[in-house]
Amino acid sequence: MLISTAFLTLAMMADAVTTTAQAAVPADPLDKVICRRILETGSLVKGKRICLTRREWARASEKGRAHAESMQTLISTERGN
């Protein structure tokens, strides 16, 4: 009886370790949350903390780049350059 109880306890501990190890590894590295502090213009301390996943930060960066590019195109075509 003592051996079966010890074996059952050991099996449960091994299962708990396996479950914990699997939970610690994110399924997709792009789903990792990253927090950044965005300072308010004109202030050295006032700002906000924004938390997004890597995928969302990449999407926001691409959207900003595309917007800047479209503004450059708009300005250069209005002047006839």
N, C-alpha and C. Protein backbone atom coordinates (compact mmCIF):
# COMPACT_ATOMS: atom_id res chain seq x y z
N MET A 1 0.81 -1.18 0.00
CA MET A 1 0.00 0.00 0.00
C MET A 1 0.86 1.26 0.00
N LEU A 2 1.93 1.25 0.78
CA LEU A 2 2.82 2.40 0.88
C LEU A 2 3.51 2.65 -0.46
N ILE A 3 3.88 1.59 -1.15
CA ILE A 3 4.55 1.73 -2.45
C ILE A 3 3.59 2.31 -3.47
N SER A 4 2.35 1.86 -3.49
CA SER A 4 1.39 2.38 -4.47
C SER A 4 1.06 3.85 -4.19
N THR A 5 1.01 4.25 -2.93
CA THR A 5 0.76 5.64 -2.58
C THR A 5 1.93 6.51 -3.01
N ALA A 6 3.15 6.03 -2.78
CA ALA A 6 4.35 6.77 -3.18
C ALA A 6 4.40 6.88 -4.70
N PHE A 7 4.08 5.81 -5.39
CA PHE A 7 4.09 5.83 -6.86
C PHE A 7 3.05 6.80 -7.40
N LEU A 8 1.87 6.81 -6.82
CA LEU A 8 0.80 7.71 -7.24
C LEU A 8 1.20 9.17 -7.01
N THR A 9 1.81 9.45 -5.85
CA THR A 9 2.26 10.80 -5.55
C THR A 9 3.34 11.24 -6.54
N LEU A 10 4.28 10.36 -6.83
CA LEU A 10 5.35 10.66 -7.78
C LEU A 10 4.78 10.91 -9.18
N ALA A 11 3.82 10.12 -9.59
CA ALA A 11 3.20 10.30 -10.90
C ALA A 11 2.47 11.64 -10.99
N MET A 12 1.79 12.03 -9.92
CA MET A 12 1.07 13.30 -9.91
C MET A 12 2.05 14.48 -9.96
N MET A 13 3.18 14.35 -9.26
CA MET A 13 4.18 15.42 -9.27
C MET A 13 4.80 15.56 -10.66
N ALA A 14 5.07 14.45 -11.33
CA ALA A 14 5.64 14.49 -12.67
C ALA A 14 4.65 15.13 -13.65
N ASP A 15 3.38 14.83 -13.50
CA ASP A 15 2.36 15.43 -14.35
C ASP A 15 2.26 16.93 -14.11
N ALA A 16 2.36 17.35 -12.87
CA ALA A 16 2.29 18.78 -12.54
C ALA A 16 3.49 19.53 -13.13
N VAL A 17 4.68 18.93 -13.08
CA VAL A 17 5.87 19.56 -13.65
C VAL A 17 5.73 19.68 -15.16
N THR A 18 5.23 18.67 -15.82
CA THR A 18 5.04 18.70 -17.27
C THR A 18 4.02 19.78 -17.64
N THR A 19 2.93 19.87 -16.92
CA THR A 19 1.91 20.87 -17.19
C THR A 19 2.46 22.27 -16.99
N THR A 20 3.24 22.50 -15.95
CA THR A 20 3.82 23.80 -15.68
C THR A 20 4.81 24.18 -16.77
N ALA A 21 5.62 23.24 -17.22
CA ALA A 21 6.60 23.52 -18.28
C ALA A 21 5.90 23.87 -19.58
N GLN A 22 4.80 23.22 -19.88
CA GLN A 22 4.07 23.53 -21.10
C GLN A 22 3.39 24.89 -21.01
N ALA A 23 2.91 25.26 -19.85
CA ALA A 23 2.23 26.53 -19.69
C ALA A 23 3.21 27.70 -19.76
N ALA A 24 4.45 27.49 -19.38
CA ALA A 24 5.44 28.57 -19.37
C ALA A 24 5.87 28.98 -20.77
N VAL A 25 5.81 28.06 -21.72
CA VAL A 25 6.23 28.36 -23.09
C VAL A 25 5.03 28.88 -23.87
N PRO A 26 5.10 30.13 -24.39
CA PRO A 26 3.96 30.64 -25.16
C PRO A 26 3.81 29.86 -26.47
N ALA A 27 2.59 29.70 -26.91
CA ALA A 27 2.33 28.95 -28.12
C ALA A 27 2.95 29.65 -29.34
N ASP A 28 2.88 30.95 -29.38
CA ASP A 28 3.42 31.72 -30.49
C ASP A 28 4.19 32.90 -29.92
N PRO A 29 5.46 33.08 -30.31
CA PRO A 29 6.22 34.20 -29.76
C PRO A 29 5.62 35.57 -30.10
N LEU A 30 4.81 35.65 -31.14
CA LEU A 30 4.17 36.91 -31.50
C LEU A 30 3.04 37.27 -30.55
N ASP A 31 2.64 36.33 -29.69
CA ASP A 31 1.57 36.58 -28.73
C ASP A 31 2.12 37.09 -27.39
N LYS A 32 3.43 37.26 -27.28
CA LYS A 32 4.02 37.77 -26.05
C LYS A 32 3.65 39.25 -25.90
N VAL A 33 3.22 39.64 -24.72
CA VAL A 33 2.81 41.02 -24.46
C VAL A 33 4.03 41.86 -24.09
N ILE A 34 4.13 43.02 -24.73
CA ILE A 34 5.22 43.95 -24.46
C ILE A 34 4.60 45.28 -24.07
N CYS A 35 5.08 45.85 -22.97
CA CYS A 35 4.57 47.14 -22.50
C CYS A 35 5.61 48.22 -22.78
N ARG A 36 5.15 49.34 -23.28
CA ARG A 36 6.03 50.48 -23.57
C ARG A 36 5.43 51.72 -22.93
N ARG A 37 6.32 52.60 -22.50
CA ARG A 37 5.88 53.86 -21.91
C ARG A 37 5.98 54.92 -23.00
N ILE A 38 4.87 55.56 -23.30
CA ILE A 38 4.80 56.61 -24.31
C ILE A 38 4.71 57.94 -23.59
N LEU A 39 5.73 58.79 -23.76
CA LEU A 39 5.74 60.09 -23.10
C LEU A 39 4.89 61.09 -23.86
N GLU A 40 4.24 61.97 -23.12
CA GLU A 40 3.43 63.02 -23.71
C GLU A 40 4.37 64.10 -24.25
N THR A 41 4.07 64.64 -25.40
CA THR A 41 4.91 65.68 -26.01
C THR A 41 5.00 66.89 -25.09
N GLY A 42 6.23 67.34 -24.86
CA GLY A 42 6.46 68.50 -24.02
C GLY A 42 6.62 68.18 -22.54
N SER A 43 6.56 66.91 -22.18
CA SER A 43 6.69 66.54 -20.78
C SER A 43 7.77 65.49 -20.63
N LEU A 44 8.51 65.56 -19.54
CA LEU A 44 9.55 64.57 -19.28
C LEU A 44 9.04 63.41 -18.43
N VAL A 45 7.92 63.59 -17.78
CA VAL A 45 7.41 62.56 -16.89
C VAL A 45 6.00 62.09 -17.21
N LYS A 46 5.18 62.94 -17.75
CA LYS A 46 3.79 62.58 -18.00
C LYS A 46 3.70 61.68 -19.24
N GLY A 47 3.01 60.61 -19.10
CA GLY A 47 2.86 59.69 -20.22
C GLY A 47 1.94 58.54 -19.86
N LYS A 48 1.87 57.56 -20.76
CA LYS A 48 1.02 56.39 -20.54
C LYS A 48 1.83 55.13 -20.78
N ARG A 49 1.34 54.06 -20.21
CA ARG A 49 1.92 52.75 -20.43
C ARG A 49 0.97 51.99 -21.33
N ILE A 50 1.46 51.53 -22.47
CA ILE A 50 0.62 50.80 -23.42
C ILE A 50 1.18 49.39 -23.57
N CYS A 51 0.32 48.41 -23.41
CA CYS A 51 0.71 47.00 -23.52
C CYS A 51 0.00 46.37 -24.72
N LEU A 52 0.79 45.85 -25.65
CA LEU A 52 0.28 45.17 -26.83
C LEU A 52 1.13 43.93 -27.08
N THR A 53 0.62 43.03 -27.90
CA THR A 53 1.42 41.87 -28.28
C THR A 53 2.44 42.29 -29.34
N ARG A 54 3.43 41.43 -29.57
CA ARG A 54 4.43 41.74 -30.61
C ARG A 54 3.75 41.94 -31.97
N ARG A 55 2.75 41.13 -32.24
CA ARG A 55 2.02 41.22 -33.50
C ARG A 55 1.33 42.58 -33.63
N GLU A 56 0.71 43.05 -32.55
CA GLU A 56 0.02 44.35 -32.57
C GLU A 56 1.01 45.50 -32.70
N TRP A 57 2.19 45.41 -32.03
CA TRP A 57 3.21 46.45 -32.18
C TRP A 57 3.71 46.50 -33.61
N ALA A 58 3.92 45.34 -34.23
CA ALA A 58 4.38 45.30 -35.62
C ALA A 58 3.34 45.90 -36.56
N ARG A 59 2.06 45.59 -36.31
CA ARG A 59 0.98 46.13 -37.14
C ARG A 59 0.90 47.66 -37.00
N ALA A 60 1.04 48.16 -35.78
CA ALA A 60 1.00 49.61 -35.54
C ALA A 60 2.18 50.30 -36.21
N SER A 61 3.35 49.68 -36.15
CA SER A 61 4.53 50.24 -36.78
C SER A 61 4.37 50.30 -38.31
N GLU A 62 3.86 49.23 -38.88
CA GLU A 62 3.64 49.18 -40.33
C GLU A 62 2.59 50.21 -40.75
N LYS A 63 1.55 50.34 -39.95
CA LYS A 63 0.50 51.31 -40.26
C LYS A 63 1.05 52.74 -40.22
N GLY A 64 1.90 53.04 -39.23
CA GLY A 64 2.51 54.36 -39.13
C GLY A 64 3.45 54.63 -40.29
N ARG A 65 4.22 53.61 -40.68
CA ARG A 65 5.13 53.75 -41.81
C ARG A 65 4.36 54.00 -43.10
N ALA A 66 3.28 53.26 -43.31
CA ALA A 66 2.47 53.43 -44.51
C ALA A 66 1.82 54.81 -44.54
N HIS A 67 1.38 55.31 -43.39
CA HIS A 67 0.77 56.63 -43.31
C HIS A 67 1.80 57.72 -43.66
N ALA A 68 3.01 57.59 -43.12
CA ALA A 68 4.06 58.57 -43.41
C ALA A 68 4.41 58.55 -44.89
N GLU A 69 4.47 57.36 -45.46
CA GLU A 69 4.78 57.23 -46.89
C GLU A 69 3.68 57.86 -47.75
N SER A 70 2.42 57.65 -47.38
CA SER A 70 1.33 58.23 -48.16
C SER A 70 1.32 59.75 -48.04
N MET A 71 1.68 60.28 -46.88
CA MET A 71 1.76 61.74 -46.72
C MET A 71 2.88 62.31 -47.59
N GLN A 72 4.01 61.63 -47.67
CA GLN A 72 5.12 62.09 -48.51
C GLN A 72 4.71 62.08 -49.97
N THR A 73 4.00 61.04 -50.38
CA THR A 73 3.54 60.96 -51.77
C THR A 73 2.54 62.07 -52.06
N LEU A 74 1.63 62.32 -51.14
CA LEU A 74 0.62 63.36 -51.31
C LEU A 74 1.27 64.74 -51.44
N ILE A 75 2.23 65.03 -50.59
CA ILE A 75 2.90 66.33 -50.63
C ILE A 75 3.68 66.51 -51.93
N SER A 76 4.38 65.47 -52.36
CA SER A 76 5.20 65.62 -53.57
C SER A 76 4.33 65.71 -54.83
N THR A 77 3.16 65.08 -54.87
CA THR A 77 2.32 65.16 -56.05
C THR A 77 1.54 66.47 -56.10
N GLU A 78 1.22 67.07 -54.94
CA GLU A 78 0.51 68.35 -54.94
C GLU A 78 1.37 69.48 -55.46
N ARG A 79 2.66 69.40 -55.23
CA ARG A 79 3.57 70.44 -55.69
C ARG A 79 4.02 70.23 -57.13
N GLY A 80 3.68 69.09 -57.68
CA GLY A 80 4.05 68.82 -59.06
C GLY A 80 5.47 68.30 -59.22
N ASN A 81 6.07 67.81 -58.15
CA ASN A 81 7.42 67.27 -58.24
C ASN A 81 7.41 65.85 -58.67
